[in-house]
């Protein structure tokens, strides 16, 4: 069996520190493996069609087309044009949050206190929304382009009365998720704490990012056939590349 992480499948890797943010393009035919380095990470993520950025990840369509409220192995990330941006080909957590959004400056200050750059320099308290805006600005995007995001490595459940409960200790050190990209996709990331994380201290965790070459999905591919609707989603996507 080929170890893709030590062979010529590996394109690049870097560690995204806790609280940091990044953005980059993943091409069709590549995959991104994300690893929770220490345990307890949360990675807020947004996805856009690199060729036409008005097309972007659509949370409602992703959930209703696959009859789910969270993401795990086999599910795909749909765009608002009914195409598949990326597929979850493997992961170890079993649950990634899709409904709770991202932290903002007011929430972070209320939970963890004020710690701006003038006071703390690189130890300042960052929030996901401002981090996303910094990265989006690099690509000509802004506030109107922020949509409901994915929170990788976080699990939130709901009680019968609709109360949302953050599950502490869900992701362990070494847990991972692997995304295969079916389009050329702009990926925007923020390693910020989940907005419902009850931890009383500002302690965002790092994640390891590893870009890999990968094979195109076959007709028997798990993600393609995971839900009947996904067959149509892959067909719509592949029309762009014929």
C-alpha atoms as a PDB file:
ATOM      1  CA  UNK A   1       0.000   0.000   0.000  1.00  0.00           C
ATOM      2  CA  UNK A   2       1.347   3.438  -0.966  1.00  0.00           C
ATOM      3  CA  UNK A   3       1.913   5.890   1.877  1.00  0.00           C
ATOM      4  CA  UNK A   4       0.749   9.081   0.198  1.00  0.00           C
ATOM      5  CA  UNK A   5       2.179  11.233   2.985  1.00  0.00           C
ATOM      6  CA  UNK A   6       5.771  10.109   2.329  1.00  0.00           C
ATOM      7  CA  UNK A   7       5.642   9.452  -1.417  1.00  0.00           C
ATOM      8  CA  UNK A   8       5.558  11.744  -4.445  1.00  0.00           C
ATOM      9  CA  UNK A   9       1.800  12.165  -3.837  1.00  0.00           C
ATOM     10  CA  UNK A  10       2.629  14.847  -1.246  1.00  0.00           C
ATOM     11  CA  UNK A  11       2.710  18.327  -2.828  1.00  0.00           C
ATOM     12  CA  UNK A  12       3.219  20.545   0.212  1.00  0.00           C
ATOM     13  CA  UNK A  13       2.531  20.725   3.923  1.00  0.00           C
ATOM     14  CA  UNK A  14       2.416  23.369   6.604  1.00  0.00           C
ATOM     15  CA  UNK A  15       1.111  23.815  10.123  1.00  0.00           C
ATOM     16  CA  UNK A  16      -1.548  26.474  10.635  1.00  0.00           C
ATOM     17  CA  UNK A  17      -1.045  27.781  14.204  1.00  0.00           C
ATOM     18  CA  UNK A  18      -3.985  28.152  16.568  1.00  0.00           C
ATOM     19  CA  UNK A  19      -5.778  31.442  15.847  1.00  0.00           C
ATOM     20  CA  UNK A  20      -4.102  31.832  12.437  1.00  0.00           C
ATOM     21  CA  UNK A  21      -5.782  31.996   9.040  1.00  0.00           C
ATOM     22  CA  UNK A  22      -4.903  31.099   5.469  1.00  0.00           C
ATOM     23  CA  UNK A  23      -6.272  30.878   1.926  1.00  0.00           C
ATOM     24  CA  UNK A  24      -5.067  29.057  -1.172  1.00  0.00           C
ATOM     25  CA  UNK A  25      -6.239  27.285  -4.310  1.00  0.00           C
ATOM     26  CA  UNK A  26      -6.706  23.510  -4.522  1.00  0.00           C
ATOM     27  CA  UNK A  27      -6.885  22.181  -8.063  1.00  0.00           C
ATOM     28  CA  UNK A  28      -9.161  19.444  -9.372  1.00  0.00           C
ATOM     29  CA  UNK A  29      -7.213  16.205  -8.953  1.00  0.00           C
ATOM     30  CA  UNK A  30      -5.712  17.160  -5.590  1.00  0.00           C
ATOM     31  CA  UNK A  31      -6.697  16.482  -1.999  1.00  0.00           C
ATOM     32  CA  UNK A  32      -6.212  18.288   1.302  1.00  0.00           C
ATOM     33  CA  UNK A  33      -5.569  16.252   4.432  1.00  0.00           C
ATOM     34  CA  UNK A  34      -6.190  18.247   7.625  1.00  0.00           C
ATOM     35  CA  UNK A  35      -4.955  16.871  10.962  1.00  0.00           C
ATOM     36  CA  UNK A  36      -5.827  18.003  14.481  1.00  0.00           C
ATOM     37  CA  UNK A  37      -2.325  18.197  15.944  1.00  0.00           C
ATOM     38  CA  UNK A  38      -3.072  18.479  19.677  1.00  0.00           C
ATOM     39  CA  UNK A  39      -6.757  17.558  19.983  1.00  0.00           C
ATOM     40  CA  UNK A  40      -9.647  19.960  20.459  1.00  0.00           C
ATOM     41  CA  UNK A  41      -9.096  21.882  17.222  1.00  0.00           C
ATOM     42  CA  UNK A  42     -11.760  23.753  15.297  1.00  0.00           C
ATOM     43  CA  UNK A  43     -11.151  24.832  11.717  1.00  0.00           C
ATOM     44  CA  UNK A  44     -13.692  27.209  10.159  1.00  0.00           C
ATOM     45  CA  UNK A  45     -13.697  26.765   6.383  1.00  0.00           C
ATOM     46  CA  UNK A  46     -15.239  28.442   3.327  1.00  0.00           C
ATOM     47  CA  UNK A  47     -15.023  27.256  -0.291  1.00  0.00           C
ATOM     48  CA  UNK A  48     -15.394  29.129  -3.600  1.00  0.00           C
ATOM     49  CA  UNK A  49     -15.130  28.197  -7.273  1.00  0.00           C
ATOM     50  CA  UNK A  50     -11.715  29.622  -8.123  1.00  0.00           C
ATOM     51  CA  UNK A  51     -12.768  30.302 -11.725  1.00  0.00           C
ATOM     52  CA  UNK A  52     -15.999  32.122 -10.815  1.00  0.00           C
ATOM     53  CA  UNK A  53     -16.091  33.137  -7.171  1.00  0.00           C
ATOM     54  CA  UNK A  54     -19.798  33.999  -7.185  1.00  0.00           C
ATOM     55  CA  UNK A  55     -20.240  30.224  -6.988  1.00  0.00           C
ATOM     56  CA  UNK A  56     -19.479  29.067  -3.473  1.00  0.00           C
ATOM     57  CA  UNK A  57     -20.211  26.451  -0.791  1.00  0.00           C
ATOM     58  CA  UNK A  58     -23.919  26.215  -0.024  1.00  0.00           C
ATOM     59  CA  UNK A  59     -24.744  24.806   3.397  1.00  0.00           C
ATOM     60  CA  UNK A  60     -28.528  24.315   2.890  1.00  0.00           C
ATOM     61  CA  UNK A  61     -28.104  22.444  -0.392  1.00  0.00           C
ATOM     62  CA  UNK A  62     -25.275  20.330   1.025  1.00  0.00           C
ATOM     63  CA  UNK A  63     -27.445  19.230   3.942  1.00  0.00           C
ATOM     64  CA  UNK A  64     -30.812  18.740   2.258  1.00  0.00           C
ATOM     65  CA  UNK A  65     -29.398  16.921  -0.790  1.00  0.00           C
ATOM     66  CA  UNK A  66     -27.686  14.386   1.470  1.00  0.00           C
ATOM     67  CA  UNK A  67     -30.315  14.210   4.246  1.00  0.00           C
ATOM     68  CA  UNK A  68     -27.967  15.189   7.057  1.00  0.00           C
ATOM     69  CA  UNK A  69     -27.194  17.936   9.565  1.00  0.00           C
ATOM     70  CA  UNK A  70     -23.449  17.238   9.825  1.00  0.00           C
ATOM     71  CA  UNK A  71     -20.620  15.989   7.629  1.00  0.00           C
ATOM     72  CA  UNK A  72     -18.520  12.833   7.717  1.00  0.00           C
ATOM     73  CA  UNK A  73     -16.929  10.314   5.340  1.00  0.00           C
ATOM     74  CA  UNK A  74     -18.820   9.914   2.073  1.00  0.00           C
ATOM     75  CA  UNK A  75     -20.521  13.309   2.075  1.00  0.00           C
ATOM     76  CA  UNK A  76     -19.698  16.033  -0.430  1.00  0.00           C
ATOM     77  CA  UNK A  77     -19.693  19.840  -0.297  1.00  0.00           C
ATOM     78  CA  UNK A  78     -22.150  21.326  -2.787  1.00  0.00           C
ATOM     79  CA  UNK A  79     -21.933  24.732  -4.413  1.00  0.00           C
ATOM     80  CA  UNK A  80     -24.967  26.949  -4.965  1.00  0.00           C
ATOM     81  CA  UNK A  81     -24.925  25.786  -8.609  1.00  0.00           C
ATOM     82  CA  UNK A  82     -25.540  22.144  -7.743  1.00  0.00           C
ATOM     83  CA  UNK A  83     -21.931  21.129  -8.365  1.00  0.00           C
ATOM     84  CA  UNK A  84     -19.549  19.278  -6.070  1.00  0.00           C
ATOM     85  CA  UNK A  85     -16.705  21.428  -4.785  1.00  0.00           C
ATOM     86  CA  UNK A  86     -15.066  18.709  -2.698  1.00  0.00           C
ATOM     87  CA  UNK A  87     -15.690  15.215  -1.350  1.00  0.00           C
ATOM     88  CA  UNK A  88     -14.877  13.809   2.084  1.00  0.00           C
ATOM     89  CA  UNK A  89     -13.016  10.654   1.103  1.00  0.00           C
ATOM     90  CA  UNK A  90     -11.776   9.797   4.588  1.00  0.00           C
ATOM     91  CA  UNK A  91     -11.906  11.108   8.158  1.00  0.00           C
ATOM     92  CA  UNK A  92     -11.711   9.872  11.728  1.00  0.00           C
ATOM     93  CA  UNK A  93     -14.079  12.066  13.792  1.00  0.00           C
ATOM     94  CA  UNK A  94     -17.450  10.964  12.428  1.00  0.00           C
ATOM     95  CA  UNK A  95     -18.997  14.424  12.812  1.00  0.00           C
ATOM     96  CA  UNK A  96     -18.110  17.918  11.568  1.00  0.00           C
ATOM     97  CA  UNK A  97     -20.372  20.871  12.412  1.00  0.00           C
ATOM     98  CA  UNK A  98     -22.237  22.703   9.641  1.00  0.00           C
ATOM     99  CA  UNK A  99     -24.772  24.934  11.410  1.00  0.00           C
ATOM    100  CA  UNK A 100     -23.128  27.042  14.127  1.00  0.00           C
ATOM    101  CA  UNK A 101     -21.209  29.582  12.075  1.00  0.00           C
ATOM    102  CA  UNK A 102     -18.058  31.348  13.207  1.00  0.00           C
ATOM    103  CA  UNK A 103     -16.869  33.537  16.049  1.00  0.00           C
ATOM    104  CA  UNK A 104     -16.727  37.328  15.771  1.00  0.00           C
ATOM    105  CA  UNK A 105     -14.913  40.089  17.644  1.00  0.00           C
ATOM    106  CA  UNK A 106     -17.724  40.801  20.121  1.00  0.00           C
ATOM    107  CA  UNK A 107     -18.133  37.138  21.043  1.00  0.00           C
ATOM    108  CA  UNK A 108     -14.389  36.581  21.537  1.00  0.00           C
ATOM    109  CA  UNK A 109     -14.023  39.702  23.696  1.00  0.00           C
ATOM    110  CA  UNK A 110     -17.044  38.760  25.807  1.00  0.00           C
ATOM    111  CA  UNK A 111     -15.776  35.205  26.387  1.00  0.00           C
ATOM    112  CA  UNK A 112     -12.034  35.706  26.701  1.00  0.00           C
ATOM    113  CA  UNK A 113     -11.478  39.400  27.383  1.00  0.00           C
ATOM    114  CA  UNK A 114      -9.883  42.103  25.269  1.00  0.00           C
ATOM    115  CA  UNK A 115      -6.411  41.379  23.909  1.00  0.00           C
ATOM    116  CA  UNK A 116      -5.662  43.470  20.840  1.00  0.00           C
ATOM    117  CA  UNK A 117      -2.459  43.752  18.845  1.00  0.00           C
ATOM    118  CA  UNK A 118      -1.352  46.933  20.607  1.00  0.00           C
ATOM    119  CA  UNK A 119      -1.433  45.055  23.943  1.00  0.00           C
ATOM    120  CA  UNK A 120      -0.435  41.519  23.046  1.00  0.00           C
ATOM    121  CA  UNK A 121       1.238  41.656  19.600  1.00  0.00           C
ATOM    122  CA  UNK A 122       1.105  38.151  18.075  1.00  0.00           C
ATOM    123  CA  UNK A 123      -0.652  36.777  21.173  1.00  0.00           C
ATOM    124  CA  UNK A 124      -3.702  38.905  20.388  1.00  0.00           C
ATOM    125  CA  UNK A 125      -7.154  37.318  20.457  1.00  0.00           C
ATOM    126  CA  UNK A 126      -8.324  36.622  16.910  1.00  0.00           C
ATOM    127  CA  UNK A 127     -11.806  35.735  15.728  1.00  0.00           C
ATOM    128  CA  UNK A 128     -12.915  33.740  12.717  1.00  0.00           C
ATOM    129  CA  UNK A 129     -15.010  36.422  10.992  1.00  0.00           C
ATOM    130  CA  UNK A 130     -12.267  39.047  10.915  1.00  0.00           C
ATOM    131  CA  UNK A 131      -9.749  36.376   9.912  1.00  0.00           C
ATOM    132  CA  UNK A 132     -11.962  35.320   7.019  1.00  0.00           C
ATOM    133  CA  UNK A 133     -12.346  38.943   5.892  1.00  0.00           C
ATOM    134  CA  UNK A 134      -8.573  39.395   5.832  1.00  0.00           C
ATOM    135  CA  UNK A 135      -8.175  36.328   3.629  1.00  0.00           C
ATOM    136  CA  UNK A 136     -11.159  37.112   1.392  1.00  0.00           C
ATOM    137  CA  UNK A 137      -9.770  40.579   0.752  1.00  0.00           C
ATOM    138  CA  UNK A 138      -6.699  39.016  -0.859  1.00  0.00           C
ATOM    139  CA  UNK A 139      -8.968  37.577  -3.563  1.00  0.00           C
ATOM    140  CA  UNK A 140     -11.198  40.592  -4.186  1.00  0.00           C
ATOM    141  CA  UNK A 141     -13.976  39.345  -1.902  1.00  0.00           C
ATOM    142  CA  UNK A 142     -15.527  40.843   1.224  1.00  0.00           C
ATOM    143  CA  UNK A 143     -18.347  40.855   3.775  1.00  0.00           C
ATOM    144  CA  UNK A 144     -21.093  39.982   1.315  1.00  0.00           C
ATOM    145  CA  UNK A 145     -19.155  36.850   0.336  1.00  0.00           C
ATOM    146  CA  UNK A 146     -19.200  35.282   3.809  1.00  0.00           C
ATOM    147  CA  UNK A 147     -21.671  32.390   3.844  1.00  0.00           C
ATOM    148  CA  UNK A 148     -22.457  29.700   6.450  1.00  0.00           C
ATOM    149  CA  UNK A 149     -19.218  27.788   6.967  1.00  0.00           C
ATOM    150  CA  UNK A 150     -18.073  24.317   7.954  1.00  0.00           C
ATOM    151  CA  UNK A 151     -16.431  23.798  11.355  1.00  0.00           C
ATOM    152  CA  UNK A 152     -14.122  20.815  10.935  1.00  0.00           C
ATOM    153  CA  UNK A 153     -13.400  18.700  14.050  1.00  0.00           C
ATOM    154  CA  UNK A 154     -16.343  20.107  16.053  1.00  0.00           C
ATOM    155  CA  UNK A 155     -19.510  18.278  17.073  1.00  0.00           C
ATOM    156  CA  UNK A 156     -22.699  20.055  18.139  1.00  0.00           C
ATOM    157  CA  UNK A 157     -25.886  18.173  18.959  1.00  0.00           C
ATOM    158  CA  UNK A 158     -29.427  19.437  19.517  1.00  0.00           C
ATOM    159  CA  UNK A 159     -31.905  18.515  22.226  1.00  0.00           C
ATOM    160  CA  UNK A 160     -35.631  18.092  21.558  1.00  0.00           C
ATOM    161  CA  UNK A 161     -36.251  21.745  22.436  1.00  0.00           C
ATOM    162  CA  UNK A 162     -33.607  22.900  19.962  1.00  0.00           C
ATOM    163  CA  UNK A 163     -30.811  23.687  22.424  1.00  0.00           C
ATOM    164  CA  UNK A 164     -27.396  23.261  20.825  1.00  0.00           C
ATOM    165  CA  UNK A 165     -24.738  21.464  22.856  1.00  0.00           C
ATOM    166  CA  UNK A 166     -21.027  21.588  22.035  1.00  0.00           C
ATOM    167  CA  UNK A 167     -19.365  18.193  22.613  1.00  0.00           C
ATOM    168  CA  UNK A 168     -16.040  18.758  24.358  1.00  0.00           C
ATOM    169  CA  UNK A 169     -13.253  16.277  23.665  1.00  0.00           C
ATOM    170  CA  UNK A 170     -14.776  15.210  20.349  1.00  0.00           C
ATOM    171  CA  UNK A 171     -11.588  15.485  18.283  1.00  0.00           C
ATOM    172  CA  UNK A 172      -8.427  13.828  19.559  1.00  0.00           C
ATOM    173  CA  UNK A 173      -4.794  14.468  18.664  1.00  0.00           C
ATOM    174  CA  UNK A 174      -4.172  12.847  15.290  1.00  0.00           C
ATOM    175  CA  UNK A 175      -7.769  12.957  14.086  1.00  0.00           C
ATOM    176  CA  UNK A 176      -7.988  13.979  10.443  1.00  0.00           C
ATOM    177  CA  UNK A 177     -10.211  14.702   7.482  1.00  0.00           C
ATOM    178  CA  UNK A 178      -9.285  14.338   3.803  1.00  0.00           C
ATOM    179  CA  UNK A 179     -11.016  16.435   1.129  1.00  0.00           C
ATOM    180  CA  UNK A 180     -10.737  15.531  -2.556  1.00  0.00           C
ATOM    181  CA  UNK A 181     -11.367  18.530  -4.809  1.00  0.00           C
ATOM    182  CA  UNK A 182     -13.676  17.997  -7.776  1.00  0.00           C
ATOM    183  CA  UNK A 183     -13.273  21.585  -9.037  1.00  0.00           C
ATOM    184  CA  UNK A 184     -10.589  24.270  -8.837  1.00  0.00           C
ATOM    185  CA  UNK A 185     -11.458  25.667  -5.420  1.00  0.00           C
ATOM    186  CA  UNK A 186     -10.425  28.662  -3.335  1.00  0.00           C
ATOM    187  CA  UNK A 187     -10.115  27.434   0.265  1.00  0.00           C
ATOM    188  CA  UNK A 188     -10.347  29.954   3.129  1.00  0.00           C
ATOM    189  CA  UNK A 189      -9.490  28.790   6.651  1.00  0.00           C
ATOM    190  CA  UNK A 190      -9.433  30.097  10.215  1.00  0.00           C
ATOM    191  CA  UNK A 191      -8.106  27.985  13.100  1.00  0.00           C
ATOM    192  CA  UNK A 192     -10.332  29.743  15.653  1.00  0.00           C
ATOM    193  CA  UNK A 193     -12.257  28.274  18.549  1.00  0.00           C
ATOM    194  CA  UNK A 194     -15.821  27.189  17.872  1.00  0.00           C
ATOM    195  CA  UNK A 195     -18.378  29.865  18.845  1.00  0.00           C
ATOM    196  CA  UNK A 196     -20.031  27.442  21.300  1.00  0.00           C
ATOM    197  CA  UNK A 197     -16.799  26.135  22.835  1.00  0.00           C
ATOM    198  CA  UNK A 198     -17.321  26.517  26.612  1.00  0.00           C
ATOM    199  CA  UNK A 199     -13.600  26.589  27.439  1.00  0.00           C
ATOM    200  CA  UNK A 200     -13.058  29.710  29.562  1.00  0.00           C
ATOM    201  CA  UNK A 201      -9.637  30.520  28.075  1.00  0.00           C
ATOM    202  CA  UNK A 202      -8.536  31.586  24.618  1.00  0.00           C
ATOM    203  CA  UNK A 203      -6.781  28.419  23.453  1.00  0.00           C
ATOM    204  CA  UNK A 204      -7.208  27.866  19.690  1.00  0.00           C
ATOM    205  CA  UNK A 205      -5.425  24.752  18.445  1.00  0.00           C
ATOM    206  CA  UNK A 206      -3.125  24.213  15.448  1.00  0.00           C
ATOM    207  CA  UNK A 207      -3.880  22.003  12.449  1.00  0.00           C
ATOM    208  CA  UNK A 208      -1.550  20.366   9.938  1.00  0.00           C
ATOM    209  CA  UNK A 209      -2.370  20.942   6.262  1.00  0.00           C
ATOM    210  CA  UNK A 210      -1.061  18.487   3.647  1.00  0.00           C
ATOM    211  CA  UNK A 211      -1.832  18.799  -0.064  1.00  0.00           C
ATOM    212  CA  UNK A 212      -1.773  15.578  -2.080  1.00  0.00           C
ATOM    213  CA  UNK A 213      -2.142  14.390  -5.640  1.00  0.00           C
ATOM    214  CA  UNK A 214      -5.094  12.049  -6.015  1.00  0.00           C
ATOM    215  CA  UNK A 215      -6.956   9.965  -8.557  1.00  0.00           C
ATOM    216  CA  UNK A 216     -10.173  11.078 -10.222  1.00  0.00           C
ATOM    217  CA  UNK A 217     -13.333   9.477  -8.774  1.00  0.00           C
ATOM    218  CA  UNK A 218     -14.454   6.315 -10.554  1.00  0.00           C
ATOM    219  CA  UNK A 219     -18.037   5.360 -11.357  1.00  0.00           C
ATOM    220  CA  UNK A 220     -18.046   3.219  -8.197  1.00  0.00           C
ATOM    221  CA  UNK A 221     -16.622   5.990  -5.998  1.00  0.00           C
ATOM    222  CA  UNK A 222     -18.020   6.073  -2.440  1.00  0.00           C
ATOM    223  CA  UNK A 223     -18.827   9.792  -2.456  1.00  0.00           C
ATOM    224  CA  UNK A 224     -20.380   9.703  -5.916  1.00  0.00           C
ATOM    225  CA  UNK A 225     -22.768   6.948  -4.836  1.00  0.00           C
ATOM    226  CA  UNK A 226     -23.217   7.880  -1.161  1.00  0.00           C
ATOM    227  CA  UNK A 227     -26.556   9.514  -1.920  1.00  0.00           C
ATOM    228  CA  UNK A 228     -28.622   9.322  -5.144  1.00  0.00           C
ATOM    229  CA  UNK A 229     -28.413  13.103  -5.495  1.00  0.00           C
ATOM    230  CA  UNK A 230     -24.612  12.955  -5.557  1.00  0.00           C
ATOM    231  CA  UNK A 231     -24.609  11.110  -8.883  1.00  0.00           C
ATOM    232  CA  UNK A 232     -26.312  14.147 -10.417  1.00  0.00           C
ATOM    233  CA  UNK A 233     -23.977  16.529  -8.578  1.00  0.00           C
ATOM    234  CA  UNK A 234     -20.887  14.807  -9.990  1.00  0.00           C
ATOM    235  CA  UNK A 235     -22.422  14.830 -13.485  1.00  0.00           C
ATOM    236  CA  UNK A 236     -23.060  18.588 -13.239  1.00  0.00           C
ATOM    237  CA  UNK A 237     -19.486  19.112 -12.076  1.00  0.00           C
ATOM    238  CA  UNK A 238     -17.858  16.984 -14.747  1.00  0.00           C
ATOM    239  CA  UNK A 239     -19.667  18.901 -17.495  1.00  0.00           C
ATOM    240  CA  UNK A 240     -17.302  21.808 -16.705  1.00  0.00           C
ATOM    241  CA  UNK A 241     -14.257  19.726 -17.600  1.00  0.00           C
ATOM    242  CA  UNK A 242     -15.352  17.949 -20.773  1.00  0.00           C
END
